[in-house]
Protein backbone atom coordinates (compact mmCIF):
# COMPACT_ATOMS: atom_id res chain seq x y z
CA UNK A 1 -76.91 88.24 -76.36
CA UNK A 2 -75.91 88.03 -73.01
CA UNK A 3 -77.70 84.76 -72.28
CA UNK A 4 -76.22 83.37 -75.62
CA UNK A 5 -72.78 84.24 -74.23
CA UNK A 6 -73.57 82.20 -70.94
CA UNK A 7 -75.00 79.26 -72.54
CA UNK A 8 -72.10 78.48 -74.96
CA UNK A 9 -69.31 77.85 -72.33
CA UNK A 10 -71.65 75.96 -70.20
CA UNK A 11 -72.67 73.86 -73.26
CA UNK A 12 -68.70 73.38 -74.29
CA UNK A 13 -68.17 72.23 -70.60
CA UNK A 14 -70.98 69.95 -70.38
CA UNK A 15 -69.95 68.33 -74.12
CA UNK A 16 -66.37 68.00 -72.61
CA UNK A 17 -67.58 66.12 -69.43
CA UNK A 18 -69.54 63.66 -71.51
CA UNK A 19 -66.56 63.20 -73.96
CA UNK A 20 -64.45 62.24 -70.86
CA UNK A 21 -67.17 60.15 -69.43
CA UNK A 22 -67.40 58.23 -72.91
CA UNK A 23 -64.07 57.33 -72.73
CA UNK A 24 -63.25 53.34 -72.64
CA UNK A 25 -60.96 52.02 -70.09
CA UNK A 26 -58.30 51.45 -72.66
CA UNK A 27 -58.50 54.99 -73.59
CA UNK A 28 -58.37 56.15 -70.07
CA UNK A 29 -55.29 53.88 -69.48
CA UNK A 30 -53.77 55.15 -72.54
CA UNK A 31 -54.04 58.85 -71.66
CA UNK A 32 -52.38 58.30 -68.17
CA UNK A 33 -49.68 56.30 -69.86
CA UNK A 34 -48.82 59.05 -72.36
CA UNK A 35 -48.82 61.60 -69.48
CA UNK A 36 -46.24 59.26 -67.68
CA UNK A 37 -44.17 59.21 -70.73
CA UNK A 38 -44.21 62.85 -71.76
CA UNK A 39 -42.06 63.54 -68.51
CA UNK A 40 -40.15 60.13 -68.65
CA UNK A 41 -38.81 60.11 -72.26
CA UNK A 42 -36.15 62.72 -73.59
CA UNK A 43 -37.65 62.64 -76.91
CA UNK A 44 -41.29 62.18 -76.43
CA UNK A 45 -41.83 63.48 -80.05
CA UNK A 46 -40.11 60.21 -81.44
CA UNK A 47 -42.35 57.86 -79.48
CA UNK A 48 -44.40 55.38 -81.45
CA UNK A 49 -46.38 52.67 -79.89
CA UNK A 50 -45.60 48.95 -80.62
CA UNK A 51 -48.07 47.18 -78.42
CA UNK A 52 -50.29 47.55 -75.29
CA UNK A 53 -51.82 44.81 -73.40
CA UNK A 54 -54.63 46.10 -71.13
CA UNK A 55 -56.37 43.61 -68.46
CA UNK A 56 -57.52 43.37 -64.95
CA UNK A 57 -54.94 43.26 -62.17
CA UNK A 58 -54.84 40.93 -59.14
CA UNK A 59 -52.92 41.08 -56.09
CA UNK A 60 -50.07 38.97 -57.30
CA UNK A 61 -46.44 39.49 -55.96
CA UNK A 62 -45.52 42.21 -58.83
CA UNK A 63 -48.69 44.17 -57.81
CA UNK A 64 -47.92 44.06 -54.12
CA UNK A 65 -45.83 46.81 -52.60
CA UNK A 66 -44.70 44.85 -49.61
CA UNK A 67 -43.37 42.29 -52.02
CA UNK A 68 -41.94 44.33 -54.20
CA UNK A 69 -39.91 46.21 -51.21
CA UNK A 70 -38.66 43.16 -49.86
CA UNK A 71 -37.29 41.72 -53.00
CA UNK A 72 -35.75 45.33 -53.89
CA UNK A 73 -34.19 44.88 -50.44
CA UNK A 74 -32.70 41.51 -51.42
CA UNK A 75 -31.34 42.57 -54.89
CA UNK A 76 -29.54 45.47 -52.87
CA UNK A 77 -28.25 43.34 -50.15
CA UNK A 78 -26.90 40.83 -52.74
CA UNK A 79 -25.18 43.59 -55.05
CA UNK A 80 -23.77 44.92 -51.36
CA UNK A 81 -22.30 41.38 -50.74
CA UNK A 82 -20.91 40.91 -54.29
CA UNK A 83 -19.08 44.38 -54.08
CA UNK A 84 -18.07 43.66 -50.80
CA UNK A 85 -16.31 40.46 -52.10
CA UNK A 86 -14.42 42.25 -54.69
CA UNK A 87 -13.02 44.95 -52.18
CA UNK A 88 -12.02 41.91 -49.84
CA UNK A 89 -10.36 40.14 -52.29
CA UNK A 90 -8.50 43.24 -53.63
CA UNK A 91 -7.49 44.10 -50.05
CA UNK A 92 -6.33 40.46 -49.25
CA UNK A 93 -4.15 40.39 -52.57
CA UNK A 94 -2.66 43.75 -51.62
CA UNK A 95 -1.71 42.72 -48.04
CA UNK A 96 -0.07 39.32 -49.67
CA UNK A 97 -2.75 37.13 -47.73
CA UNK A 98 -3.74 35.45 -50.56
CA UNK A 99 -2.05 35.27 -54.19
CA UNK A 100 -3.78 36.57 -57.34
CA UNK A 101 -6.92 34.19 -58.19
CA UNK A 102 -6.72 32.35 -54.93
CA UNK A 103 -9.66 30.99 -53.24
CA UNK A 104 -10.47 33.17 -50.37
CA UNK A 105 -10.08 30.14 -48.05
CA UNK A 106 -6.57 30.42 -48.39
CA UNK A 107 -6.03 32.92 -45.86
CA UNK A 108 -5.84 32.63 -42.06
CA UNK A 109 -8.79 34.65 -40.33
CA UNK A 110 -6.70 35.43 -37.15
CA UNK A 111 -4.44 37.19 -39.58
CA UNK A 112 -6.95 39.98 -40.17
CA UNK A 113 -6.43 41.12 -36.88
CA UNK A 114 -3.27 42.66 -38.18
CA UNK A 115 -5.32 44.50 -40.81
CA UNK A 116 -8.29 46.56 -39.37
CA UNK A 117 -9.58 47.62 -42.66
CA UNK A 118 -9.96 44.31 -44.21
CA UNK A 119 -11.34 43.07 -40.75
CA UNK A 120 -13.84 45.95 -40.97
CA UNK A 121 -14.75 44.71 -44.87
CA UNK A 122 -15.09 41.09 -43.65
CA UNK A 123 -17.28 42.12 -40.94
CA UNK A 124 -19.69 44.12 -43.03
CA UNK A 125 -19.95 41.15 -45.57
CA UNK A 126 -20.82 38.86 -42.52
CA UNK A 127 -23.27 41.32 -41.16
CA UNK A 128 -25.10 41.25 -44.40
CA UNK A 129 -26.07 37.33 -44.07
CA UNK A 130 -28.61 37.89 -41.39
CA UNK A 131 -30.10 40.96 -43.28
CA UNK A 132 -30.70 38.68 -46.33
CA UNK A 133 -31.98 35.86 -44.35
CA UNK A 134 -34.69 38.10 -42.73
CA UNK A 135 -35.85 39.73 -46.20
CA UNK A 136 -36.17 36.30 -47.87
CA UNK A 137 -38.27 35.02 -44.75
CA UNK A 138 -40.37 38.09 -44.97
CA UNK A 139 -40.92 37.96 -48.57
CA UNK A 140 -41.72 33.95 -48.36
CA UNK A 141 -44.10 34.55 -45.60
CA UNK A 142 -46.35 36.98 -47.23
CA UNK A 143 -50.08 36.28 -47.23
CA UNK A 144 -52.54 37.57 -49.69
CA UNK A 145 -55.43 36.68 -52.01
CA UNK A 146 -54.25 36.72 -55.66
CA UNK A 147 -57.91 36.38 -56.60
CA UNK A 148 -58.48 40.03 -55.48
CA UNK A 149 -59.21 42.51 -58.33
CA UNK A 150 -57.18 45.74 -57.34
CA UNK A 151 -57.30 47.59 -60.58
CA UNK A 152 -55.87 47.30 -64.15
CA UNK A 153 -52.40 46.59 -65.79
CA UNK A 154 -50.98 47.42 -69.05
CA UNK A 155 -47.89 45.88 -70.75
CA UNK A 156 -46.63 48.61 -72.88
CA UNK A 157 -44.15 48.38 -75.74
CA UNK A 158 -42.90 51.40 -77.81
CA UNK A 159 -40.40 52.74 -79.83
CA UNK A 160 -38.31 56.07 -79.22
CA UNK A 161 -35.29 57.93 -79.54
CA UNK A 162 -32.89 58.31 -76.34
CA UNK A 163 -30.92 61.52 -75.49
CA UNK A 164 -28.30 60.75 -77.78
CA UNK A 165 -31.12 60.46 -80.48
CA UNK A 166 -30.30 56.62 -81.21
CA UNK A 167 -33.37 54.43 -81.75
CA UNK A 168 -34.55 52.65 -78.66
CA UNK A 169 -37.18 50.13 -77.16
CA UNK A 170 -39.32 50.68 -74.21
CA UNK A 171 -41.10 48.00 -72.10
CA UNK A 172 -42.93 49.26 -69.33
CA UNK A 173 -45.49 47.63 -67.05
CA UNK A 174 -48.42 49.88 -65.44
CA UNK A 175 -50.65 49.18 -62.58
CA UNK A 176 -53.77 51.44 -62.05
CA UNK A 177 -56.50 51.80 -59.67
CA UNK A 178 -60.05 50.69 -60.46
CA UNK A 179 -61.32 53.84 -61.65
CA UNK A 180 -58.20 54.27 -64.03
CA UNK A 181 -57.52 58.01 -62.39
CA UNK A 182 -54.10 56.98 -61.19
CA UNK A 183 -50.93 54.98 -62.18
CA UNK A 184 -50.20 53.10 -58.75
CA UNK A 185 -46.98 51.39 -60.15
CA UNK A 186 -44.87 51.79 -63.13
CA UNK A 187 -41.72 49.63 -63.87
CA UNK A 188 -39.36 49.47 -66.75
CA UNK A 189 -39.07 45.86 -67.44
CA UNK A 190 -35.75 45.97 -69.37
CA UNK A 191 -33.89 47.78 -66.42
CA UNK A 192 -31.34 45.34 -65.03
CA UNK A 193 -32.25 46.04 -61.30
CA UNK A 194 -36.15 45.74 -62.00
CA UNK A 195 -35.15 42.07 -63.93
CA UNK A 196 -33.50 40.91 -60.80
CA UNK A 197 -36.22 42.34 -58.61
CA UNK A 198 -38.84 40.42 -60.46
CA UNK A 199 -36.61 37.12 -60.49
CA UNK A 200 -36.26 37.43 -56.66
CA UNK A 201 -39.99 37.66 -56.86
CA UNK A 202 -40.51 34.65 -58.61
CA UNK A 203 -38.00 32.41 -56.48
CA UNK A 204 -39.18 33.44 -53.11
CA UNK A 205 -43.03 34.61 -53.70
CA UNK A 206 -44.22 32.24 -56.64
CA UNK A 207 -47.97 32.27 -57.56
CA UNK A 208 -50.00 30.35 -54.92
CA UNK A 209 -52.67 29.21 -57.23
């Protein structure tokens, strides 16, 4: 009787290991995705898969962490530049140095010496130029083998309800390691910042086939 009680949990554990080992690559990736979305979605119970495309992943710009970092920096610097220009325009209009809607070239740069705050904004904007040029140069000069197999990827589309209970659609990209044990990278493809980052990758780090 004691032996029977010992054998039963051992057999169960052995069977569980066999079942895990029999999972296909697609099933392994799906399990990791569900675990990720369980934490990510407000209403996971409303989740319904639409489409999931599983394939081998290679060392393309989107899968390269260095390229993604430079592209992200470029997006951030560009956004800072646009925000800075809005602030500068408002400050110049408030100071009466330009009329509302007038081109920024209509003011005298020497006149900024009388307005320290405006001068500081202008200098901040000017300092972004070399930072942007450096990031673009760094991204454009990246060298790597795009035929290098690095793991697996999945484009995953699904429906769910957002935090307000409204129907929504998700569109994610997942990158997995070769053993399909971990998600190396996940990105919401519908997020505007991520779209900008991908656009920068396509612009300055095109596929080198």
